[in-house]
């Protein structure tokens, strides 16, 4: 599927100058961590806290420290 998308792309030019290909930047990685990684960590921590309150056993990541 990725090959089809890559092959469909035509070379874009503006006034005869070739445009750079889009690429992943550091900001994309940071925003992905904020919008995906942070909520997953919060939900996982709340689940671990709930298990600790109910069972009395520490099963969370913070138990290692």
C-alpha atoms as a PDB file:
ATOM      1  CA  UNK A   1       0.000   0.000   0.000  1.00  0.00           C
ATOM      2  CA  UNK A   2       2.827   2.398   0.814  1.00  0.00           C
ATOM      3  CA  UNK A   3       4.404   1.729  -2.559  1.00  0.00           C
ATOM      4  CA  UNK A   4       1.162   2.711  -4.295  1.00  0.00           C
ATOM      5  CA  UNK A   5       1.086   5.992  -2.394  1.00  0.00           C
ATOM      6  CA  UNK A   6       4.725   6.645  -3.135  1.00  0.00           C
ATOM      7  CA  UNK A   7       4.355   5.859  -6.832  1.00  0.00           C
ATOM      8  CA  UNK A   8       1.306   8.110  -7.216  1.00  0.00           C
ATOM      9  CA  UNK A   9       3.210  11.183  -6.043  1.00  0.00           C
ATOM     10  CA  UNK A  10       4.271  13.480  -8.779  1.00  0.00           C
ATOM     11  CA  UNK A  11       7.165  15.832  -8.489  1.00  0.00           C
ATOM     12  CA  UNK A  12       5.811  19.203  -7.408  1.00  0.00           C
ATOM     13  CA  UNK A  13       7.364  22.340  -8.733  1.00  0.00           C
ATOM     14  CA  UNK A  14       6.744  26.015  -8.098  1.00  0.00           C
ATOM     15  CA  UNK A  15       8.046  28.410 -10.728  1.00  0.00           C
ATOM     16  CA  UNK A  16      10.440  25.725 -11.940  1.00  0.00           C
ATOM     17  CA  UNK A  17      11.881  24.894  -8.502  1.00  0.00           C
ATOM     18  CA  UNK A  18      11.403  21.404  -7.101  1.00  0.00           C
ATOM     19  CA  UNK A  19       9.710  21.295  -3.685  1.00  0.00           C
ATOM     20  CA  UNK A  20      11.180  19.231  -0.870  1.00  0.00           C
ATOM     21  CA  UNK A  21       9.460  15.980   0.033  1.00  0.00           C
ATOM     22  CA  UNK A  22       7.449  16.053   3.271  1.00  0.00           C
ATOM     23  CA  UNK A  23       9.309  14.443   6.153  1.00  0.00           C
ATOM     24  CA  UNK A  24       8.854  13.652   9.817  1.00  0.00           C
ATOM     25  CA  UNK A  25      10.139  16.384  12.085  1.00  0.00           C
ATOM     26  CA  UNK A  26      10.907  16.532  15.766  1.00  0.00           C
ATOM     27  CA  UNK A  27       7.692  18.476  16.393  1.00  0.00           C
ATOM     28  CA  UNK A  28       5.609  15.660  14.879  1.00  0.00           C
ATOM     29  CA  UNK A  29       7.235  13.194  17.245  1.00  0.00           C
ATOM     30  CA  UNK A  30       6.706  15.471  20.248  1.00  0.00           C
ATOM     31  CA  UNK A  31       3.027  16.100  19.443  1.00  0.00           C
ATOM     32  CA  UNK A  32       2.485  12.368  18.873  1.00  0.00           C
ATOM     33  CA  UNK A  33       3.919  11.716  22.336  1.00  0.00           C
ATOM     34  CA  UNK A  34       1.692  14.399  23.843  1.00  0.00           C
ATOM     35  CA  UNK A  35      -1.521  13.264  22.165  1.00  0.00           C
ATOM     36  CA  UNK A  36      -0.945   9.491  22.244  1.00  0.00           C
ATOM     37  CA  UNK A  37       1.730   8.631  24.790  1.00  0.00           C
ATOM     38  CA  UNK A  38       0.686  10.912  27.625  1.00  0.00           C
ATOM     39  CA  UNK A  39      -2.988   9.849  27.724  1.00  0.00           C
ATOM     40  CA  UNK A  40      -1.980   6.176  27.577  1.00  0.00           C
ATOM     41  CA  UNK A  41       0.403   6.661  30.494  1.00  0.00           C
ATOM     42  CA  UNK A  42      -2.280   8.452  32.529  1.00  0.00           C
ATOM     43  CA  UNK A  43      -4.922   5.781  31.850  1.00  0.00           C
ATOM     44  CA  UNK A  44      -2.456   3.008  32.638  1.00  0.00           C
ATOM     45  CA  UNK A  45      -1.430   4.686  35.876  1.00  0.00           C
ATOM     46  CA  UNK A  46      -5.065   5.088  36.931  1.00  0.00           C
ATOM     47  CA  UNK A  47      -5.743   1.413  36.226  1.00  0.00           C
ATOM     48  CA  UNK A  48      -2.670   0.417  38.241  1.00  0.00           C
ATOM     49  CA  UNK A  49      -3.767   2.675  41.090  1.00  0.00           C
ATOM     50  CA  UNK A  50      -7.253   1.143  41.035  1.00  0.00           C
ATOM     51  CA  UNK A  51      -5.810  -2.383  41.203  1.00  0.00           C
ATOM     52  CA  UNK A  52      -3.588  -1.329  44.095  1.00  0.00           C
ATOM     53  CA  UNK A  53      -6.524   0.142  46.030  1.00  0.00           C
ATOM     54  CA  UNK A  54      -8.740  -2.916  45.441  1.00  0.00           C
ATOM     55  CA  UNK A  55      -6.211  -5.727  45.964  1.00  0.00           C
ATOM     56  CA  UNK A  56      -3.562  -4.079  48.116  1.00  0.00           C
ATOM     57  CA  UNK A  57      -0.794  -5.230  45.754  1.00  0.00           C
ATOM     58  CA  UNK A  58       1.354  -2.689  43.989  1.00  0.00           C
ATOM     59  CA  UNK A  59       1.401  -3.637  40.297  1.00  0.00           C
ATOM     60  CA  UNK A  60       2.286  -0.259  38.780  1.00  0.00           C
ATOM     61  CA  UNK A  61       5.463   1.015  37.241  1.00  0.00           C
ATOM     62  CA  UNK A  62       6.181   3.194  40.284  1.00  0.00           C
ATOM     63  CA  UNK A  63       6.482   0.029  42.435  1.00  0.00           C
ATOM     64  CA  UNK A  64       9.934  -0.588  41.000  1.00  0.00           C
ATOM     65  CA  UNK A  65      11.326   2.547  42.656  1.00  0.00           C
END
